[in-house]
């Protein structure tokens, strides 16, 4: 199941998180680590630093990349 999740998001465009970034209500948001490019999912964005599960680095919120939404301005 996780392999299918990764394959579905290989061609997805990611943009930096901004203060206007939001999560979908039930599915959350897809994030990409800026260091190792691992794709993960989160249910909310009410954090300031998140630890990557793959490279185990602590990365600031605004350094993470989020899946580009339908209404993104960038």
C-alpha atoms as a PDB file:
ATOM      1  CA  UNK A   1       0.000   0.000   0.000  1.00  0.00           C
ATOM      2  CA  UNK A   2       2.791   2.459   0.874  1.00  0.00           C
ATOM      3  CA  UNK A   3       4.540   1.656  -2.420  1.00  0.00           C
ATOM      4  CA  UNK A   4       1.379   2.625  -4.322  1.00  0.00           C
ATOM      5  CA  UNK A   5       1.280   5.882  -2.330  1.00  0.00           C
ATOM      6  CA  UNK A   6       4.836   6.727  -3.417  1.00  0.00           C
ATOM      7  CA  UNK A   7       4.224   5.774  -7.053  1.00  0.00           C
ATOM      8  CA  UNK A   8       1.114   7.967  -7.197  1.00  0.00           C
ATOM      9  CA  UNK A   9       3.148  11.004  -6.101  1.00  0.00           C
ATOM     10  CA  UNK A  10       6.251  10.600  -8.290  1.00  0.00           C
ATOM     11  CA  UNK A  11       5.050  13.112 -10.882  1.00  0.00           C
ATOM     12  CA  UNK A  12       3.359  15.432  -8.387  1.00  0.00           C
ATOM     13  CA  UNK A  13       4.670  18.985  -8.210  1.00  0.00           C
ATOM     14  CA  UNK A  14       5.747  20.230  -4.793  1.00  0.00           C
ATOM     15  CA  UNK A  15       6.022  23.855  -3.657  1.00  0.00           C
ATOM     16  CA  UNK A  16       7.410  25.353  -0.415  1.00  0.00           C
ATOM     17  CA  UNK A  17       5.015  25.619   2.539  1.00  0.00           C
ATOM     18  CA  UNK A  18       3.729  29.137   3.104  1.00  0.00           C
ATOM     19  CA  UNK A  19       1.579  30.635   5.821  1.00  0.00           C
ATOM     20  CA  UNK A  20      -1.388  30.126   3.481  1.00  0.00           C
ATOM     21  CA  UNK A  21      -0.819  26.350   3.060  1.00  0.00           C
ATOM     22  CA  UNK A  22      -3.673  24.147   4.232  1.00  0.00           C
ATOM     23  CA  UNK A  23      -4.393  20.450   4.725  1.00  0.00           C
ATOM     24  CA  UNK A  24      -7.365  18.648   3.277  1.00  0.00           C
ATOM     25  CA  UNK A  25      -9.927  17.809   5.905  1.00  0.00           C
ATOM     26  CA  UNK A  26      -9.796  14.010   5.816  1.00  0.00           C
ATOM     27  CA  UNK A  27      -6.743  13.104   3.753  1.00  0.00           C
ATOM     28  CA  UNK A  28      -4.257  15.614   5.219  1.00  0.00           C
ATOM     29  CA  UNK A  29      -1.332  16.981   3.220  1.00  0.00           C
ATOM     30  CA  UNK A  30       1.463  15.265   1.312  1.00  0.00           C
ATOM     31  CA  UNK A  31       4.900  16.615   2.250  1.00  0.00           C
ATOM     32  CA  UNK A  32       8.345  16.110   0.760  1.00  0.00           C
ATOM     33  CA  UNK A  33      11.568  16.363   2.754  1.00  0.00           C
ATOM     34  CA  UNK A  34      13.891  19.004   1.262  1.00  0.00           C
ATOM     35  CA  UNK A  35      16.980  17.005   2.312  1.00  0.00           C
ATOM     36  CA  UNK A  36      16.305  13.395   1.266  1.00  0.00           C
ATOM     37  CA  UNK A  37      13.127  13.897  -0.868  1.00  0.00           C
ATOM     38  CA  UNK A  38      11.132  11.324   1.119  1.00  0.00           C
ATOM     39  CA  UNK A  39       7.361  11.714   0.743  1.00  0.00           C
ATOM     40  CA  UNK A  40       5.215  11.635   3.872  1.00  0.00           C
ATOM     41  CA  UNK A  41       1.721  12.644   4.952  1.00  0.00           C
ATOM     42  CA  UNK A  42       0.592  14.857   7.829  1.00  0.00           C
ATOM     43  CA  UNK A  43      -2.830  15.612   9.221  1.00  0.00           C
ATOM     44  CA  UNK A  44      -2.181  19.193  10.272  1.00  0.00           C
ATOM     45  CA  UNK A  45       0.347  22.002   9.911  1.00  0.00           C
ATOM     46  CA  UNK A  46       0.279  23.274  13.494  1.00  0.00           C
ATOM     47  CA  UNK A  47       3.960  22.562  14.136  1.00  0.00           C
ATOM     48  CA  UNK A  48       7.143  24.558  13.691  1.00  0.00           C
ATOM     49  CA  UNK A  49       9.747  21.806  13.291  1.00  0.00           C
ATOM     50  CA  UNK A  50       9.173  18.290  11.977  1.00  0.00           C
ATOM     51  CA  UNK A  51      11.587  15.352  12.071  1.00  0.00           C
ATOM     52  CA  UNK A  52      11.973  13.438   8.812  1.00  0.00           C
ATOM     53  CA  UNK A  53      11.393   9.723   9.366  1.00  0.00           C
ATOM     54  CA  UNK A  54      13.984   8.769   6.755  1.00  0.00           C
ATOM     55  CA  UNK A  55      16.989  11.058   7.296  1.00  0.00           C
ATOM     56  CA  UNK A  56      16.056  11.859  10.944  1.00  0.00           C
ATOM     57  CA  UNK A  57      16.864  15.559  10.592  1.00  0.00           C
ATOM     58  CA  UNK A  58      14.809  18.258  12.278  1.00  0.00           C
ATOM     59  CA  UNK A  59      13.535  20.566   9.529  1.00  0.00           C
ATOM     60  CA  UNK A  60      11.706  23.864   9.940  1.00  0.00           C
ATOM     61  CA  UNK A  61       8.118  23.989   8.721  1.00  0.00           C
ATOM     62  CA  UNK A  62       8.725  26.523   5.952  1.00  0.00           C
ATOM     63  CA  UNK A  63      11.587  24.454   4.506  1.00  0.00           C
ATOM     64  CA  UNK A  64       9.304  21.471   3.805  1.00  0.00           C
ATOM     65  CA  UNK A  65       7.676  21.085   0.378  1.00  0.00           C
ATOM     66  CA  UNK A  66       3.933  20.520   0.104  1.00  0.00           C
ATOM     67  CA  UNK A  67       1.971  19.007  -2.766  1.00  0.00           C
ATOM     68  CA  UNK A  68       0.835  21.760  -5.111  1.00  0.00           C
ATOM     69  CA  UNK A  69      -2.890  22.288  -4.741  1.00  0.00           C
ATOM     70  CA  UNK A  70      -5.500  23.176  -7.302  1.00  0.00           C
ATOM     71  CA  UNK A  71      -5.546  26.819  -6.212  1.00  0.00           C
ATOM     72  CA  UNK A  72      -1.819  27.375  -5.518  1.00  0.00           C
ATOM     73  CA  UNK A  73      -0.456  30.716  -6.623  1.00  0.00           C
ATOM     74  CA  UNK A  74       3.085  29.505  -7.360  1.00  0.00           C
END
